[in-house]
Amino acid sequence: MVILFVAILAAASGASQLRIDPAKTCDACEAWNAPHEPFRVFGNTYYVGVAGLSSVLIASDKGLILLDGALPQSVPLIDAHIRALGFRTEDVRLIVNSHAHFDHAGGIAALQRASGATVAASASGAWAIEHGQPAADDPQYVQHDEVSRFPRVKHVQVVTDGESLTVGELKITAHLTPGHTPGSTTWTWRSCEADRCLDVVYADSLNPVSDPGFHFTGDAKHPSREETFRRSIATVEGLPCDVLLTVHPGFAGLDDKLQRREQQPASNPFVDPQACRAYAADARQRLDRRVAEERK
């Protein structure tokens, strides 16, 4: 661990081109942004995020793809993690987003400035990233809420359901999974080790949380989101899925899997063909409880 953090500090010395945006303050921000060791998940897929917020790197000799940018203050750690693994942030060609909240999109602007990468998201997500705030139909939208704002990015590319984006031979596919936000997107790709290739899923949150007063079953201001949310859960459940990563690493038990792999290096607990089904089943139970509470 000491060697790792020495490597991260050494890598950070090459990050002078970074222009960091002001840090966000929230109840969970400090814990979310605690350091986390970067590591290879499988093949050309790497975890470069922080303790409570995922950022995932996919590598090729033609450039890198980065999924999510965590908080604005996460950027120096993400940059250092990329460098500690032997890559360069300047070689990121594409940055994609799961959903446009400050804890997953807050660092994208600085990472885009450092790399010149194209930024892509769903239509709703692209609007939010370009405006630096959630859309008015977001379950967590609060008018004039400064906490929810984050640095803007210009000219975000809009992706549609099932659309694939490429960097060299790398191809990632967008699966729109609205519910947690209107623009929530789950991303999939293939990663290979030698002659073994697996399907990797970066699943967006399927957690039905909202600002007080919002109802997923509908209210005077909003139509019901329940059926849309259930379709999104079914989408994740049905994806080809050998490796599951999630926007908050704890949702998929990342640290537990990493610890088990360190204890038994011959195995890789990240390879779990049932992981997406289990994630969806848990999400369905959460939504059932939320709907029952609202209908009371």
C-alpha atoms as a PDB file:
ATOM      1  CA  MET A   1       0.000   0.000   0.000  1.00  0.00           C
ATOM      2  CA  VAL A   2       2.852   2.408   0.810  1.00  0.00           C
ATOM      3  CA  ILE A   3       4.471   1.641  -2.546  1.00  0.00           C
ATOM      4  CA  LEU A   4       1.166   2.279  -4.272  1.00  0.00           C
ATOM      5  CA  PHE A   5       0.697   5.729  -2.755  1.00  0.00           C
ATOM      6  CA  VAL A   6       4.320   6.647  -3.534  1.00  0.00           C
ATOM      7  CA  ALA A   7       3.548   5.717  -7.154  1.00  0.00           C
ATOM      8  CA  ILE A   8       0.396   7.843  -7.090  1.00  0.00           C
ATOM      9  CA  LEU A   9       2.247  10.843  -5.686  1.00  0.00           C
ATOM     10  CA  ALA A  10       4.963  10.432  -8.298  1.00  0.00           C
ATOM     11  CA  ALA A  11       2.370  10.213 -11.041  1.00  0.00           C
ATOM     12  CA  ALA A  12       0.602  13.311  -9.743  1.00  0.00           C
ATOM     13  CA  SER A  13       3.780  15.324 -10.296  1.00  0.00           C
ATOM     14  CA  GLY A  14       3.073  15.060 -14.035  1.00  0.00           C
ATOM     15  CA  ALA A  15      -0.425  16.486 -13.665  1.00  0.00           C
ATOM     16  CA  SER A  16       0.415  20.211 -13.746  1.00  0.00           C
ATOM     17  CA  GLN A  17      -1.800  20.686 -16.827  1.00  0.00           C
ATOM     18  CA  LEU A  18      -4.896  20.047 -14.706  1.00  0.00           C
ATOM     19  CA  ARG A  19      -7.130  23.050 -14.008  1.00  0.00           C
ATOM     20  CA  ILE A  20      -9.310  21.987 -11.110  1.00  0.00           C
ATOM     21  CA  ASP A  21     -12.761  23.415 -10.466  1.00  0.00           C
ATOM     22  CA  PRO A  22     -13.870  24.454  -6.960  1.00  0.00           C
ATOM     23  CA  ALA A  23     -14.642  21.561  -4.641  1.00  0.00           C
ATOM     24  CA  LYS A  24     -18.212  20.618  -3.815  1.00  0.00           C
ATOM     25  CA  THR A  25     -19.339  20.468  -0.204  1.00  0.00           C
ATOM     26  CA  CYS A  26     -21.925  17.924   0.925  1.00  0.00           C
ATOM     27  CA  ASP A  27     -22.517  15.624   3.877  1.00  0.00           C
ATOM     28  CA  ALA A  28     -21.032  12.593   2.090  1.00  0.00           C
ATOM     29  CA  CYS A  29     -18.447  14.301  -0.115  1.00  0.00           C
ATOM     30  CA  GLU A  30     -15.422  13.775   2.125  1.00  0.00           C
ATOM     31  CA  ALA A  31     -16.104  10.064   2.571  1.00  0.00           C
ATOM     32  CA  TRP A  32     -16.933   9.596  -1.105  1.00  0.00           C
ATOM     33  CA  ASN A  33     -13.697  11.286  -2.141  1.00  0.00           C
ATOM     34  CA  ALA A  34     -11.362   9.293   0.114  1.00  0.00           C
ATOM     35  CA  PRO A  35      -8.439   7.720  -1.776  1.00  0.00           C
ATOM     36  CA  HIS A  36      -8.809   4.261  -3.282  1.00  0.00           C
ATOM     37  CA  GLU A  37      -6.130   2.219  -4.970  1.00  0.00           C
ATOM     38  CA  PRO A  38      -6.468   1.943  -8.756  1.00  0.00           C
ATOM     39  CA  PHE A  39      -6.442  -1.592 -10.143  1.00  0.00           C
ATOM     40  CA  ARG A  40      -7.136  -3.783 -13.136  1.00  0.00           C
ATOM     41  CA  VAL A  41     -10.612  -5.298 -13.004  1.00  0.00           C
ATOM     42  CA  PHE A  42     -10.306  -7.572 -16.027  1.00  0.00           C
ATOM     43  CA  GLY A  43      -8.445  -7.295 -19.325  1.00  0.00           C
ATOM     44  CA  ASN A  44      -8.266  -3.680 -20.438  1.00  0.00           C
ATOM     45  CA  THR A  45     -10.777  -2.471 -17.820  1.00  0.00           C
ATOM     46  CA  TYR A  46      -9.457  -0.565 -14.783  1.00  0.00           C
ATOM     47  CA  TYR A  47     -10.913   1.102 -11.694  1.00  0.00           C
ATOM     48  CA  VAL A  48      -9.529   4.644 -11.310  1.00  0.00           C
ATOM     49  CA  GLY A  49     -12.207   6.161  -9.071  1.00  0.00           C
ATOM     50  CA  VAL A  50     -12.272   7.152  -5.433  1.00  0.00           C
ATOM     51  CA  ALA A  51     -13.590   5.313  -2.392  1.00  0.00           C
ATOM     52  CA  GLY A  52     -17.268   6.057  -2.883  1.00  0.00           C
ATOM     53  CA  LEU A  53     -17.572   7.163  -6.505  1.00  0.00           C
ATOM     54  CA  SER A  54     -16.588   5.076  -9.486  1.00  0.00           C
ATOM     55  CA  SER A  55     -14.554   6.139 -12.466  1.00  0.00           C
ATOM     56  CA  VAL A  56     -13.626   3.397 -14.925  1.00  0.00           C
ATOM     57  CA  LEU A  57     -10.918   3.379 -17.593  1.00  0.00           C
ATOM     58  CA  ILE A  58     -10.891   1.223 -20.726  1.00  0.00           C
ATOM     59  CA  ALA A  59      -7.580   1.134 -22.587  1.00  0.00           C
ATOM     60  CA  SER A  60      -6.397   0.556 -26.122  1.00  0.00           C
ATOM     61  CA  ASP A  61      -3.335   1.558 -28.116  1.00  0.00           C
ATOM     62  CA  LYS A  62      -5.513   4.092 -29.960  1.00  0.00           C
ATOM     63  CA  GLY A  63      -6.625   5.929 -26.835  1.00  0.00           C
ATOM     64  CA  LEU A  64      -8.630   5.622 -23.643  1.00  0.00           C
ATOM     65  CA  ILE A  65     -12.297   5.746 -22.672  1.00  0.00           C
ATOM     66  CA  LEU A  66     -13.241   7.107 -19.245  1.00  0.00           C
ATOM     67  CA  LEU A  67     -16.616   6.514 -17.609  1.00  0.00           C
ATOM     68  CA  ASP A  68     -17.676   9.211 -15.112  1.00  0.00           C
ATOM     69  CA  GLY A  69     -15.695  11.947 -13.421  1.00  0.00           C
ATOM     70  CA  ALA A  70     -16.939  11.838  -9.791  1.00  0.00           C
ATOM     71  CA  LEU A  71     -16.671  15.158  -7.874  1.00  0.00           C
ATOM     72  CA  PRO A  72     -14.669  18.197  -9.014  1.00  0.00           C
ATOM     73  CA  GLN A  73     -12.204  17.508  -6.175  1.00  0.00           C
ATOM     74  CA  SER A  74     -11.858  13.883  -7.346  1.00  0.00           C
ATOM     75  CA  VAL A  75     -10.030  14.925 -10.510  1.00  0.00           C
ATOM     76  CA  PRO A  76      -6.458  15.019  -9.093  1.00  0.00           C
ATOM     77  CA  LEU A  77      -6.940  11.507  -7.686  1.00  0.00           C
ATOM     78  CA  ILE A  78      -8.470  10.156 -10.914  1.00  0.00           C
ATOM     79  CA  ASP A  79      -5.626  11.702 -12.906  1.00  0.00           C
ATOM     80  CA  ALA A  80      -3.016  10.253 -10.528  1.00  0.00           C
ATOM     81  CA  HIS A  81      -4.687   6.821 -10.640  1.00  0.00           C
ATOM     82  CA  ILE A  82      -4.625   6.808 -14.443  1.00  0.00           C
ATOM     83  CA  ARG A  83      -0.908   7.674 -14.394  1.00  0.00           C
ATOM     84  CA  ALA A  84      -0.093   5.171 -11.649  1.00  0.00           C
ATOM     85  CA  LEU A  85      -1.451   2.433 -13.920  1.00  0.00           C
ATOM     86  CA  GLY A  86       0.901   3.506 -16.704  1.00  0.00           C
ATOM     87  CA  PHE A  87      -1.531   5.590 -18.788  1.00  0.00           C
ATOM     88  CA  ARG A  88      -1.945   9.316 -19.426  1.00  0.00           C
ATOM     89  CA  THR A  89      -5.044  11.420 -18.927  1.00  0.00           C
ATOM     90  CA  GLU A  90      -4.067  13.297 -22.094  1.00  0.00           C
ATOM     91  CA  ASP A  91      -4.766  10.085 -24.025  1.00  0.00           C
ATOM     92  CA  VAL A  92      -8.426   9.903 -22.972  1.00  0.00           C
ATOM     93  CA  ARG A  93     -10.402  10.254 -26.218  1.00  0.00           C
ATOM     94  CA  LEU A  94     -13.942   9.752 -24.920  1.00  0.00           C
ATOM     95  CA  ILE A  95     -15.630  10.512 -21.586  1.00  0.00           C
ATOM     96  CA  VAL A  96     -19.134   9.135 -21.012  1.00  0.00           C
ATOM     97  CA  ASN A  97     -21.522   9.724 -18.129  1.00  0.00           C
ATOM     98  CA  SER A  98     -23.927   7.507 -16.213  1.00  0.00           C
ATOM     99  CA  HIS A  99     -26.111  10.281 -14.832  1.00  0.00           C
ATOM    100  CA  ALA A 100     -25.665  14.027 -14.544  1.00  0.00           C
ATOM    101  CA  HIS A 101     -25.447  14.660 -10.813  1.00  0.00           C
ATOM    102  CA  PHE A 102     -22.560  16.576  -9.256  1.00  0.00           C
ATOM    103  CA  ASP A 103     -21.071  13.413  -7.720  1.00  0.00           C
ATOM    104  CA  HIS A 104     -20.711  11.629 -11.075  1.00  0.00           C
ATOM    105  CA  ALA A 105     -20.402  14.494 -13.569  1.00  0.00           C
ATOM    106  CA  GLY A 106     -18.675  17.109 -11.394  1.00  0.00           C
ATOM    107  CA  GLY A 107     -15.160  16.206 -12.523  1.00  0.00           C
ATOM    108  CA  ILE A 108     -15.919  15.798 -16.228  1.00  0.00           C
ATOM    109  CA  ALA A 109     -15.227  19.431 -17.183  1.00  0.00           C
ATOM    110  CA  ALA A 110     -11.687  19.398 -15.756  1.00  0.00           C
ATOM    111  CA  LEU A 111     -10.924  15.971 -17.212  1.00  0.00           C
ATOM    112  CA  GLN A 112     -12.201  17.121 -20.609  1.00  0.00           C
ATOM    113  CA  ARG A 113      -9.993  20.222 -20.466  1.00  0.00           C
ATOM    114  CA  ALA A 114      -6.964  18.089 -19.610  1.00  0.00           C
ATOM    115  CA  SER A 115      -7.565  15.564 -22.391  1.00  0.00           C
ATOM    116  CA  GLY A 116      -9.580  17.294 -25.115  1.00  0.00           C
ATOM    117  CA  ALA A 117     -11.846  14.238 -25.097  1.00  0.00           C
ATOM    118  CA  THR A 118     -15.319  14.077 -26.570  1.00  0.00           C
ATOM    119  CA  VAL A 119     -17.978  13.956 -23.831  1.00  0.00           C
ATOM    120  CA  ALA A 120     -21.120  11.874 -24.457  1.00  0.00           C
ATOM    121  CA  ALA A 121     -24.351  11.252 -22.568  1.00  0.00           C
ATOM    122  CA  SER A 122     -28.057  10.629 -23.097  1.00  0.00           C
ATOM    123  CA  ALA A 123     -30.149  13.542 -24.370  1.00  0.00           C
ATOM    124  CA  SER A 124     -31.343  14.477 -20.876  1.00  0.00           C
ATOM    125  CA  GLY A 125     -27.880  13.924 -19.440  1.00  0.00           C
ATOM    126  CA  ALA A 126     -26.237  16.025 -22.160  1.00  0.00           C
ATOM    127  CA  TRP A 127     -28.604  18.926 -21.385  1.00  0.00           C
ATOM    128  CA  ALA A 128     -27.760  18.703 -17.681  1.00  0.00           C
ATOM    129  CA  ILE A 129     -23.995  18.518 -18.289  1.00  0.00           C
ATOM    130  CA  GLU A 130     -24.101  21.491 -20.644  1.00  0.00           C
ATOM    131  CA  HIS A 131     -26.119  23.506 -18.118  1.00  0.00           C
ATOM    132  CA  GLY A 132     -24.257  22.282 -15.034  1.00  0.00           C
ATOM    133  CA  GLN A 133     -27.371  21.239 -13.144  1.00  0.00           C
ATOM    134  CA  PRO A 134     -30.037  18.514 -13.102  1.00  0.00           C
ATOM    135  CA  ALA A 135     -33.018  18.947 -15.398  1.00  0.00           C
ATOM    136  CA  ALA A 136     -36.308  20.114 -13.866  1.00  0.00           C
ATOM    137  CA  ASP A 137     -37.816  16.623 -14.266  1.00  0.00           C
ATOM    138  CA  ASP A 138     -35.037  14.995 -12.226  1.00  0.00           C
ATOM    139  CA  PRO A 139     -36.411  13.370  -9.034  1.00  0.00           C
ATOM    140  CA  GLN A 140     -33.692  15.177  -7.057  1.00  0.00           C
ATOM    141  CA  TYR A 141     -34.143  18.575  -8.737  1.00  0.00           C
ATOM    142  CA  VAL A 142     -34.482  21.517  -6.381  1.00  0.00           C
ATOM    143  CA  GLN A 143     -34.905  24.964  -7.896  1.00  0.00           C
ATOM    144  CA  HIS A 144     -32.055  27.402  -7.086  1.00  0.00           C
ATOM    145  CA  ASP A 145     -30.101  24.633  -5.321  1.00  0.00           C
ATOM    146  CA  GLU A 146     -26.404  25.533  -5.474  1.00  0.00           C
ATOM    147  CA  VAL A 147     -25.266  22.185  -4.046  1.00  0.00           C
ATOM    148  CA  SER A 148     -26.573  20.299  -7.079  1.00  0.00           C
ATOM    149  CA  ARG A 149     -24.762  22.523  -9.598  1.00  0.00           C
ATOM    150  CA  PHE A 150     -21.483  21.424 -11.193  1.00  0.00           C
ATOM    151  CA  PRO A 151     -19.033  22.709 -13.851  1.00  0.00           C
ATOM    152  CA  ARG A 152     -20.493  22.926 -17.348  1.00  0.00           C
ATOM    153  CA  VAL A 153     -19.177  21.183 -20.449  1.00  0.00           C
ATOM    154  CA  LYS A 154     -19.854  22.542 -23.926  1.00  0.00           C
ATOM    155  CA  HIS A 155     -20.898  20.476 -26.942  1.00  0.00           C
ATOM    156  CA  VAL A 156     -21.818  17.185 -25.259  1.00  0.00           C
ATOM    157  CA  GLN A 157     -22.541  14.449 -27.808  1.00  0.00           C
ATOM    158  CA  VAL A 158     -26.000  12.907 -27.455  1.00  0.00           C
ATOM    159  CA  VAL A 159     -26.267   9.109 -27.545  1.00  0.00           C
ATOM    160  CA  THR A 160     -29.430   7.094 -28.092  1.00  0.00           C
ATOM    161  CA  ASP A 161     -30.521   3.762 -26.671  1.00  0.00           C
ATOM    162  CA  GLY A 162     -28.400   0.965 -28.130  1.00  0.00           C
ATOM    163  CA  GLU A 163     -25.941   3.333 -29.809  1.00  0.00           C
ATOM    164  CA  SER A 164     -22.270   2.338 -29.760  1.00  0.00           C
ATOM    165  CA  LEU A 165     -19.272   4.666 -29.581  1.00  0.00           C
ATOM    166  CA  THR A 166     -15.765   3.641 -30.586  1.00  0.00           C
ATOM    167  CA  VAL A 167     -12.151   4.547 -29.857  1.00  0.00           C
ATOM    168  CA  GLY A 168      -9.937   2.445 -32.078  1.00  0.00           C
ATOM    169  CA  GLU A 169     -11.133  -1.120 -31.630  1.00  0.00           C
ATOM    170  CA  LEU A 170     -12.869  -0.281 -28.334  1.00  0.00           C
ATOM    171  CA  LYS A 171     -16.659  -0.155 -28.542  1.00  0.00           C
ATOM    172  CA  ILE A 172     -19.022   0.766 -25.740  1.00  0.00           C
ATOM    173  CA  THR A 173     -22.795   0.680 -26.000  1.00  0.00           C
ATOM    174  CA  ALA A 174     -25.322   2.920 -24.262  1.00  0.00           C
ATOM    175  CA  HIS A 175     -28.432   1.418 -22.685  1.00  0.00           C
ATOM    176  CA  LEU A 176     -30.852   4.068 -21.468  1.00  0.00           C
ATOM    177  CA  THR A 177     -32.048   3.115 -17.983  1.00  0.00           C
ATOM    178  CA  PRO A 178     -34.080   6.114 -16.753  1.00  0.00           C
ATOM    179  CA  GLY A 179     -35.446   6.109 -13.236  1.00  0.00           C
ATOM    180  CA  HIS A 180     -32.860   7.425 -10.802  1.00  0.00           C
ATOM    181  CA  THR A 181     -32.624  10.337 -13.259  1.00  0.00           C
ATOM    182  CA  PRO A 182     -34.420  10.870 -16.583  1.00  0.00           C
ATOM    183  CA  GLY A 183     -31.118  10.473 -18.447  1.00  0.00           C
ATOM    184  CA  SER A 184     -29.623   7.545 -16.551  1.00  0.00           C
ATOM    185  CA  THR A 185     -27.468   5.363 -18.809  1.00  0.00           C
ATOM    186  CA  THR A 186     -25.886   1.949 -18.321  1.00  0.00           C
ATOM    187  CA  TRP A 187     -22.822   1.196 -20.479  1.00  0.00           C
ATOM    188  CA  THR A 188     -21.517  -2.166 -21.740  1.00  0.00           C
ATOM    189  CA  TRP A 189     -18.390  -3.382 -23.520  1.00  0.00           C
ATOM    190  CA  ARG A 190     -16.202  -6.454 -24.008  1.00  0.00           C
ATOM    191  CA  SER A 191     -12.844  -6.908 -22.294  1.00  0.00           C
ATOM    192  CA  CYS A 192     -10.364  -9.669 -23.091  1.00  0.00           C
ATOM    193  CA  GLU A 193      -7.494 -11.409 -21.322  1.00  0.00           C
ATOM    194  CA  ALA A 194      -5.551 -13.582 -23.758  1.00  0.00           C
ATOM    195  CA  ASP A 195      -8.282 -15.575 -25.566  1.00  0.00           C
ATOM    196  CA  ARG A 196     -10.958 -15.034 -22.874  1.00  0.00           C
ATOM    197  CA  CYS A 197     -13.417 -12.206 -23.555  1.00  0.00           C
ATOM    198  CA  LEU A 198     -16.120 -11.150 -21.103  1.00  0.00           C
ATOM    199  CA  ASP A 199     -19.091  -8.771 -21.100  1.00  0.00           C
ATOM    200  CA  VAL A 200     -18.611  -5.846 -18.712  1.00  0.00           C
ATOM    201  CA  VAL A 201     -21.561  -3.783 -17.456  1.00  0.00           C
ATOM    202  CA  TYR A 202     -21.210  -0.354 -15.868  1.00  0.00           C
ATOM    203  CA  ALA A 203     -24.668  -0.066 -14.343  1.00  0.00           C
ATOM    204  CA  ASP A 204     -26.142   3.255 -13.376  1.00  0.00           C
ATOM    205  CA  SER A 205     -27.938   3.664 -10.074  1.00  0.00           C
ATOM    206  CA  LEU A 206     -31.350   1.995  -9.892  1.00  0.00           C
ATOM    207  CA  ASN A 207     -32.073   3.570  -6.527  1.00  0.00           C
ATOM    208  CA  PRO A 208     -35.449   5.375  -6.235  1.00  0.00           C
ATOM    209  CA  VAL A 209     -34.307   8.355  -4.174  1.00  0.00           C
ATOM    210  CA  SER A 210     -35.709  11.833  -4.605  1.00  0.00           C
ATOM    211  CA  ASP A 211     -36.218  15.268  -3.172  1.00  0.00           C
ATOM    212  CA  PRO A 212     -39.010  15.309  -0.548  1.00  0.00           C
ATOM    213  CA  GLY A 213     -42.370  15.652  -2.227  1.00  0.00           C
ATOM    214  CA  PHE A 214     -41.497  13.818  -5.443  1.00  0.00           C
ATOM    215  CA  HIS A 215     -43.516  10.663  -6.179  1.00  0.00           C
ATOM    216  CA  PHE A 216     -42.337   7.974  -8.599  1.00  0.00           C
ATOM    217  CA  THR A 217     -45.987   6.927  -8.821  1.00  0.00           C
ATOM    218  CA  GLY A 218     -46.877  10.392 -10.118  1.00  0.00           C
ATOM    219  CA  ASP A 219     -48.325  13.582  -8.691  1.00  0.00           C
ATOM    220  CA  ALA A 220     -49.835  16.866  -9.813  1.00  0.00           C
ATOM    221  CA  LYS A 221     -46.529  18.009 -11.312  1.00  0.00           C
ATOM    222  CA  HIS A 222     -45.046  14.749 -12.644  1.00  0.00           C
ATOM    223  CA  PRO A 223     -46.401  11.704 -14.494  1.00  0.00           C
ATOM    224  CA  SER A 224     -45.754   8.273 -13.018  1.00  0.00           C
ATOM    225  CA  ARG A 225     -42.198   6.950 -13.468  1.00  0.00           C
ATOM    226  CA  GLU A 226     -42.912   3.518 -12.016  1.00  0.00           C
ATOM    227  CA  GLU A 227     -43.280   1.528 -15.249  1.00  0.00           C
ATOM    228  CA  THR A 228     -40.312   3.286 -16.862  1.00  0.00           C
ATOM    229  CA  PHE A 229     -38.217   2.476 -13.803  1.00  0.00           C
ATOM    230  CA  ARG A 230     -39.304  -1.166 -13.898  1.00  0.00           C
ATOM    231  CA  ARG A 231     -38.338  -1.433 -17.574  1.00  0.00           C
ATOM    232  CA  SER A 232     -34.899  -0.038 -16.738  1.00  0.00           C
ATOM    233  CA  ILE A 233     -34.424  -2.635 -14.006  1.00  0.00           C
ATOM    234  CA  ALA A 234     -35.436  -5.358 -16.470  1.00  0.00           C
ATOM    235  CA  THR A 235     -32.961  -3.966 -19.013  1.00  0.00           C
ATOM    236  CA  VAL A 236     -30.043  -4.326 -16.598  1.00  0.00           C
ATOM    237  CA  GLU A 237     -31.288  -7.740 -15.516  1.00  0.00           C
ATOM    238  CA  GLY A 238     -31.268  -8.990 -19.119  1.00  0.00           C
ATOM    239  CA  LEU A 239     -27.884  -7.670 -20.245  1.00  0.00           C
ATOM    240  CA  PRO A 240     -25.044 -10.065 -21.101  1.00  0.00           C
ATOM    241  CA  CYS A 241     -23.097  -9.602 -17.889  1.00  0.00           C
ATOM    242  CA  ASP A 242     -19.948 -11.342 -16.711  1.00  0.00           C
ATOM    243  CA  VAL A 243     -18.486  -8.412 -14.752  1.00  0.00           C
ATOM    244  CA  LEU A 244     -20.613  -5.791 -12.979  1.00  0.00           C
ATOM    245  CA  LEU A 245     -19.328  -2.357 -12.001  1.00  0.00           C
ATOM    246  CA  THR A 246     -21.609   0.290 -10.526  1.00  0.00           C
ATOM    247  CA  VAL A 247     -21.532   4.066 -10.167  1.00  0.00           C
ATOM    248  CA  HIS A 248     -21.132   3.783  -6.397  1.00  0.00           C
ATOM    249  CA  PRO A 249     -18.640   0.930  -5.951  1.00  0.00           C
ATOM    250  CA  GLY A 250     -20.364  -0.381  -2.857  1.00  0.00           C
ATOM    251  CA  PHE A 251     -23.487  -1.217  -4.887  1.00  0.00           C
ATOM    252  CA  ALA A 252     -21.550  -4.114  -6.446  1.00  0.00           C
ATOM    253  CA  GLY A 253     -19.394  -4.963  -3.430  1.00  0.00           C
ATOM    254  CA  LEU A 254     -16.196  -3.745  -5.087  1.00  0.00           C
ATOM    255  CA  ASP A 255     -14.009  -3.654  -1.979  1.00  0.00           C
ATOM    256  CA  ASP A 256     -15.155  -7.088  -0.814  1.00  0.00           C
ATOM    257  CA  LYS A 257     -14.345  -8.548  -4.231  1.00  0.00           C
ATOM    258  CA  LEU A 258     -10.969  -6.827  -4.299  1.00  0.00           C
ATOM    259  CA  GLN A 259     -10.098  -8.183  -0.857  1.00  0.00           C
ATOM    260  CA  ARG A 260     -11.133 -11.708  -1.811  1.00  0.00           C
ATOM    261  CA  ARG A 261      -9.038 -11.528  -4.968  1.00  0.00           C
ATOM    262  CA  GLU A 262      -6.001 -10.404  -2.977  1.00  0.00           C
ATOM    263  CA  GLN A 263      -6.481 -13.351  -0.608  1.00  0.00           C
ATOM    264  CA  GLN A 264      -6.910 -15.811  -3.487  1.00  0.00           C
ATOM    265  CA  PRO A 265      -4.964 -14.433  -6.474  1.00  0.00           C
ATOM    266  CA  ALA A 266      -5.873 -17.394  -8.663  1.00  0.00           C
ATOM    267  CA  SER A 267      -9.552 -16.396  -8.639  1.00  0.00           C
ATOM    268  CA  ASN A 268     -11.303 -13.239  -9.807  1.00  0.00           C
ATOM    269  CA  PRO A 269     -14.498 -12.543  -7.834  1.00  0.00           C
ATOM    270  CA  PHE A 270     -15.307  -9.695 -10.232  1.00  0.00           C
ATOM    271  CA  VAL A 271     -16.294 -12.371 -12.742  1.00  0.00           C
ATOM    272  CA  ASP A 272     -19.850 -13.223 -11.692  1.00  0.00           C
ATOM    273  CA  PRO A 273     -22.475 -13.973 -14.370  1.00  0.00           C
ATOM    274  CA  GLN A 274     -25.246 -13.567 -11.760  1.00  0.00           C
ATOM    275  CA  ALA A 275     -24.196 -10.095 -10.609  1.00  0.00           C
ATOM    276  CA  CYS A 276     -26.527  -8.079 -12.857  1.00  0.00           C
ATOM    277  CA  ARG A 277     -29.501 -10.240 -11.917  1.00  0.00           C
ATOM    278  CA  ALA A 278     -28.746  -9.769  -8.212  1.00  0.00           C
ATOM    279  CA  TYR A 279     -28.326  -6.015  -8.693  1.00  0.00           C
ATOM    280  CA  ALA A 280     -31.658  -5.813 -10.513  1.00  0.00           C
ATOM    281  CA  ALA A 281     -33.432  -7.939  -7.912  1.00  0.00           C
ATOM    282  CA  ASP A 282     -32.243  -5.644  -5.129  1.00  0.00           C
ATOM    283  CA  ALA A 283     -33.343  -2.581  -7.150  1.00  0.00           C
ATOM    284  CA  ARG A 284     -36.778  -4.092  -7.741  1.00  0.00           C
ATOM    285  CA  GLN A 285     -37.228  -4.624  -4.002  1.00  0.00           C
ATOM    286  CA  ARG A 286     -36.200  -1.013  -3.321  1.00  0.00           C
ATOM    287  CA  LEU A 287     -38.687   0.272  -5.864  1.00  0.00           C
ATOM    288  CA  ASP A 288     -41.435  -1.977  -4.472  1.00  0.00           C
ATOM    289  CA  ARG A 289     -40.856  -0.538  -1.005  1.00  0.00           C
ATOM    290  CA  ARG A 290     -40.844   3.023  -2.321  1.00  0.00           C
ATOM    291  CA  VAL A 291     -44.055   2.496  -4.300  1.00  0.00           C
ATOM    292  CA  ALA A 292     -45.765   0.912  -1.270  1.00  0.00           C
ATOM    293  CA  GLU A 293     -44.782   3.900   0.880  1.00  0.00           C
ATOM    294  CA  GLU A 294     -46.124   6.360  -1.696  1.00  0.00           C
ATOM    295  CA  ARG A 295     -49.417   4.508  -2.078  1.00  0.00           C
ATOM    296  CA  LYS A 296     -50.062   4.649   1.656  1.00  0.00           C
END
